Amino acid sequence: MYIIDRTRRSSATRNSRSFDYHELVKEAKTNPDPGARSLAYRAIEDIKLESKDIRNMRESLIKAHRRGNSDEIKDIHDIVAHKKKYRHE
């Protein structure tokens, strides 16, 4: 997954997948490295195709990482490992 974190922006907007999408579009258009552009386009397609369950799980995981809550991160990883609906197929 290709992640861009702009720390000067408010945390409420940075936690959303739409923010990720817009940052990836900007990166895909401006990055001179073709490999990075390809990864950005692939991540854009993944975001477009993900279900509501996956989107909510990813946002919860991002919030847990930013809070440093390792127990919640482990719980989310366990759930994803055992539930097919949280994985891209």
N, C-alpha and C. Protein backbone atom coordinates (compact mmCIF):
# COMPACT_ATOMS: atom_id res chain seq x y z
N MET A 1 0.84 -1.17 0.00
CA MET A 1 0.00 0.00 0.00
C MET A 1 0.88 1.23 0.00
N TYR A 2 0.54 2.19 -0.74
CA TYR A 2 1.28 3.43 -0.87
C TYR A 2 0.62 4.48 0.01
N ILE A 3 1.32 4.96 1.03
CA ILE A 3 0.73 5.88 2.00
C ILE A 3 1.49 7.19 1.99
N ILE A 4 0.75 8.28 1.97
CA ILE A 4 1.33 9.62 2.02
C ILE A 4 0.74 10.30 3.25
N ASP A 5 1.59 10.86 4.08
CA ASP A 5 1.12 11.53 5.29
C ASP A 5 1.61 12.97 5.27
N ARG A 6 0.70 13.90 5.16
CA ARG A 6 1.02 15.32 5.20
C ARG A 6 0.67 15.83 6.60
N THR A 7 1.66 16.02 7.45
CA THR A 7 1.41 16.31 8.86
C THR A 7 0.90 17.72 9.10
N ARG A 8 1.01 18.62 8.14
CA ARG A 8 0.55 19.98 8.38
C ARG A 8 -0.96 20.12 8.22
N ARG A 9 -1.65 19.08 7.81
CA ARG A 9 -3.10 19.12 7.63
C ARG A 9 -3.79 18.63 8.91
N SER A 10 -5.06 18.97 9.05
CA SER A 10 -5.78 18.56 10.25
C SER A 10 -5.96 17.04 10.28
N SER A 11 -5.98 16.48 11.47
CA SER A 11 -6.06 15.03 11.59
C SER A 11 -7.42 14.49 11.14
N ALA A 12 -8.47 15.28 11.23
CA ALA A 12 -9.80 14.81 10.82
C ALA A 12 -9.83 14.51 9.32
N THR A 13 -9.20 15.34 8.52
CA THR A 13 -9.20 15.09 7.08
C THR A 13 -8.19 14.03 6.70
N ARG A 14 -7.11 13.89 7.46
CA ARG A 14 -6.09 12.90 7.14
C ARG A 14 -6.54 11.48 7.43
N ASN A 15 -7.55 11.29 8.25
CA ASN A 15 -8.00 9.95 8.60
C ASN A 15 -8.94 9.35 7.56
N SER A 16 -9.35 10.12 6.58
CA SER A 16 -10.34 9.62 5.63
C SER A 16 -9.68 9.00 4.40
N ARG A 17 -10.39 8.07 3.80
CA ARG A 17 -9.91 7.44 2.57
C ARG A 17 -9.99 8.42 1.40
N SER A 18 -10.91 9.37 1.44
CA SER A 18 -10.99 10.35 0.35
C SER A 18 -9.73 11.21 0.33
N PHE A 19 -9.18 11.51 1.51
CA PHE A 19 -7.92 12.25 1.55
C PHE A 19 -6.81 11.42 0.92
N ASP A 20 -6.77 10.12 1.26
CA ASP A 20 -5.78 9.22 0.65
C ASP A 20 -5.92 9.21 -0.86
N TYR A 21 -7.16 9.12 -1.33
CA TYR A 21 -7.43 9.08 -2.77
C TYR A 21 -6.91 10.35 -3.45
N HIS A 22 -7.22 11.50 -2.91
CA HIS A 22 -6.79 12.76 -3.52
C HIS A 22 -5.26 12.92 -3.49
N GLU A 23 -4.64 12.50 -2.42
CA GLU A 23 -3.18 12.56 -2.34
C GLU A 23 -2.54 11.61 -3.36
N LEU A 24 -3.12 10.43 -3.55
CA LEU A 24 -2.59 9.48 -4.52
C LEU A 24 -2.75 10.01 -5.95
N VAL A 25 -3.87 10.65 -6.24
CA VAL A 25 -4.07 11.23 -7.57
C VAL A 25 -3.02 12.30 -7.83
N LYS A 26 -2.78 13.15 -6.84
CA LYS A 26 -1.77 14.20 -6.99
C LYS A 26 -0.38 13.58 -7.20
N GLU A 27 -0.07 12.55 -6.43
CA GLU A 27 1.22 11.87 -6.53
C GLU A 27 1.36 11.19 -7.89
N ALA A 28 0.30 10.57 -8.38
CA ALA A 28 0.34 9.86 -9.66
C ALA A 28 0.58 10.82 -10.82
N LYS A 29 0.13 12.05 -10.68
CA LYS A 29 0.30 13.03 -11.75
C LYS A 29 1.64 13.74 -11.71
N THR A 30 2.23 13.89 -10.51
CA THR A 30 3.41 14.74 -10.38
C THR A 30 4.73 14.01 -10.15
N ASN A 31 4.69 12.76 -9.72
CA ASN A 31 5.93 12.05 -9.40
C ASN A 31 6.68 11.68 -10.68
N PRO A 32 7.97 12.01 -10.76
CA PRO A 32 8.72 11.69 -11.98
C PRO A 32 9.09 10.21 -12.11
N ASP A 33 9.01 9.46 -11.03
CA ASP A 33 9.37 8.04 -11.04
C ASP A 33 8.21 7.20 -11.58
N PRO A 34 8.39 6.48 -12.69
CA PRO A 34 7.28 5.69 -13.24
C PRO A 34 6.83 4.56 -12.31
N GLY A 35 7.72 4.00 -11.53
CA GLY A 35 7.35 2.95 -10.59
C GLY A 35 6.43 3.47 -9.50
N ALA A 36 6.75 4.65 -8.99
CA ALA A 36 5.91 5.26 -7.96
C ALA A 36 4.55 5.65 -8.53
N ARG A 37 4.52 6.14 -9.76
CA ARG A 37 3.25 6.47 -10.40
C ARG A 37 2.39 5.22 -10.57
N SER A 38 3.03 4.13 -10.97
CA SER A 38 2.30 2.87 -11.15
C SER A 38 1.71 2.38 -9.84
N LEU A 39 2.48 2.46 -8.76
CA LEU A 39 1.97 2.06 -7.44
C LEU A 39 0.81 2.96 -7.00
N ALA A 40 0.93 4.25 -7.29
CA ALA A 40 -0.14 5.18 -6.93
C ALA A 40 -1.42 4.85 -7.68
N TYR A 41 -1.31 4.57 -8.99
CA TYR A 41 -2.49 4.22 -9.77
C TYR A 41 -3.12 2.91 -9.28
N ARG A 42 -2.29 1.95 -8.90
CA ARG A 42 -2.79 0.68 -8.38
C ARG A 42 -3.53 0.90 -7.05
N ALA A 43 -2.97 1.75 -6.20
CA ALA A 43 -3.63 2.05 -4.91
C ALA A 43 -4.94 2.80 -5.14
N ILE A 44 -4.99 3.67 -6.14
CA ILE A 44 -6.22 4.39 -6.48
C ILE A 44 -7.31 3.39 -6.87
N GLU A 45 -6.96 2.43 -7.70
CA GLU A 45 -7.93 1.41 -8.12
C GLU A 45 -8.39 0.58 -6.93
N ASP A 46 -7.48 0.24 -6.02
CA ASP A 46 -7.87 -0.53 -4.83
C ASP A 46 -8.85 0.25 -3.96
N ILE A 47 -8.62 1.54 -3.82
CA ILE A 47 -9.52 2.38 -3.03
C ILE A 47 -10.89 2.44 -3.69
N LYS A 48 -10.94 2.56 -5.00
CA LYS A 48 -12.22 2.62 -5.71
C LYS A 48 -13.02 1.34 -5.54
N LEU A 49 -12.34 0.19 -5.49
CA LEU A 49 -13.02 -1.10 -5.46
C LEU A 49 -13.29 -1.65 -4.06
N GLU A 50 -12.77 -1.01 -3.02
CA GLU A 50 -12.94 -1.59 -1.69
C GLU A 50 -14.35 -1.37 -1.16
N SER A 51 -14.80 -2.33 -0.37
CA SER A 51 -16.14 -2.29 0.20
C SER A 51 -16.17 -1.35 1.41
N LYS A 52 -17.38 -1.09 1.89
CA LYS A 52 -17.54 -0.23 3.05
C LYS A 52 -16.89 -0.85 4.29
N ASP A 53 -16.98 -2.18 4.42
CA ASP A 53 -16.36 -2.86 5.57
C ASP A 53 -14.84 -2.68 5.56
N ILE A 54 -14.24 -2.84 4.40
CA ILE A 54 -12.78 -2.68 4.29
C ILE A 54 -12.39 -1.23 4.56
N ARG A 55 -13.14 -0.30 4.03
CA ARG A 55 -12.84 1.12 4.24
C ARG A 55 -12.89 1.48 5.72
N ASN A 56 -13.92 1.01 6.42
CA ASN A 56 -14.04 1.29 7.85
C ASN A 56 -12.93 0.63 8.64
N MET A 57 -12.58 -0.60 8.27
CA MET A 57 -11.50 -1.31 8.96
C MET A 57 -10.17 -0.57 8.78
N ARG A 58 -9.88 -0.10 7.58
CA ARG A 58 -8.63 0.63 7.33
C ARG A 58 -8.58 1.94 8.11
N GLU A 59 -9.70 2.65 8.16
CA GLU A 59 -9.72 3.89 8.92
C GLU A 59 -9.51 3.62 10.41
N SER A 60 -10.08 2.54 10.91
CA SER A 60 -9.87 2.16 12.32
C SER A 60 -8.41 1.81 12.57
N LEU A 61 -7.80 1.13 11.63
CA LEU A 61 -6.39 0.75 11.77
C LEU A 61 -5.49 1.99 11.76
N ILE A 62 -5.78 2.93 10.89
CA ILE A 62 -4.99 4.18 10.85
C ILE A 62 -5.12 4.93 12.17
N LYS A 63 -6.34 5.04 12.68
CA LYS A 63 -6.55 5.74 13.95
C LYS A 63 -5.81 5.05 15.09
N ALA A 64 -5.84 3.71 15.12
CA ALA A 64 -5.15 2.97 16.17
C ALA A 64 -3.64 3.17 16.08
N HIS A 65 -3.10 3.20 14.86
CA HIS A 65 -1.67 3.45 14.68
C HIS A 65 -1.29 4.84 15.17
N ARG A 66 -2.09 5.82 14.86
CA ARG A 66 -1.78 7.19 15.27
C ARG A 66 -1.87 7.39 16.77
N ARG A 67 -2.76 6.62 17.42
CA ARG A 67 -2.87 6.69 18.88
C ARG A 67 -1.81 5.83 19.57
N GLY A 68 -1.20 4.92 18.81
CA GLY A 68 -0.21 4.02 19.39
C GLY A 68 -0.83 2.89 20.19
N ASN A 69 -2.05 2.52 19.87
CA ASN A 69 -2.78 1.48 20.58
C ASN A 69 -2.45 0.12 19.97
N SER A 70 -1.42 -0.53 20.47
CA SER A 70 -0.94 -1.79 19.89
C SER A 70 -1.93 -2.94 20.08
N ASP A 71 -2.70 -2.93 21.17
CA ASP A 71 -3.69 -4.00 21.39
C ASP A 71 -4.79 -3.94 20.33
N GLU A 72 -5.26 -2.74 20.03
CA GLU A 72 -6.29 -2.60 19.00
C GLU A 72 -5.75 -2.97 17.62
N ILE A 73 -4.50 -2.63 17.35
CA ILE A 73 -3.87 -2.99 16.07
C ILE A 73 -3.81 -4.51 15.93
N LYS A 74 -3.40 -5.20 17.00
CA LYS A 74 -3.35 -6.67 16.96
C LYS A 74 -4.74 -7.27 16.75
N ASP A 75 -5.75 -6.70 17.42
CA ASP A 75 -7.12 -7.18 17.25
C ASP A 75 -7.58 -7.03 15.81
N ILE A 76 -7.30 -5.90 15.21
CA ILE A 76 -7.70 -5.67 13.82
C ILE A 76 -6.99 -6.64 12.89
N HIS A 77 -5.70 -6.86 13.10
CA HIS A 77 -4.95 -7.81 12.27
C HIS A 77 -5.50 -9.24 12.41
N ASP A 78 -5.88 -9.62 13.63
CA ASP A 78 -6.49 -10.95 13.84
C ASP A 78 -7.81 -11.08 13.10
N ILE A 79 -8.63 -10.06 13.18
CA ILE A 79 -9.92 -10.08 12.49
C ILE A 79 -9.72 -10.20 10.99
N VAL A 80 -8.81 -9.42 10.44
CA VAL A 80 -8.55 -9.45 9.00
C VAL A 80 -8.02 -10.81 8.57
N ALA A 81 -7.20 -11.43 9.40
CA ALA A 81 -6.63 -12.73 9.06
C ALA A 81 -7.69 -13.83 8.99
N HIS A 82 -8.76 -13.69 9.75
CA HIS A 82 -9.76 -14.75 9.83
C HIS A 82 -11.07 -14.46 9.11
N LYS A 83 -11.26 -13.26 8.61
CA LYS A 83 -12.51 -12.90 7.92
C LYS A 83 -12.21 -12.52 6.47
N LYS A 84 -12.79 -13.24 5.55
CA LYS A 84 -12.55 -12.99 4.12
C LYS A 84 -13.08 -11.64 3.66
N LYS A 85 -14.14 -11.15 4.28
CA LYS A 85 -14.75 -9.92 3.79
C LYS A 85 -13.83 -8.70 3.96
N TYR A 86 -12.78 -8.81 4.74
CA TYR A 86 -11.86 -7.70 4.94
C TYR A 86 -10.63 -7.78 4.05
N ARG A 87 -10.60 -8.70 3.13
CA ARG A 87 -9.44 -8.85 2.22
C ARG A 87 -9.85 -8.66 0.78
N HIS A 88 -8.96 -8.06 0.00
CA HIS A 88 -9.19 -7.94 -1.45
C HIS A 88 -9.02 -9.31 -2.06
N GLU A 89 -9.85 -9.62 -3.03
CA GLU A 89 -9.75 -10.93 -3.66
C GLU A 89 -9.41 -10.79 -5.12
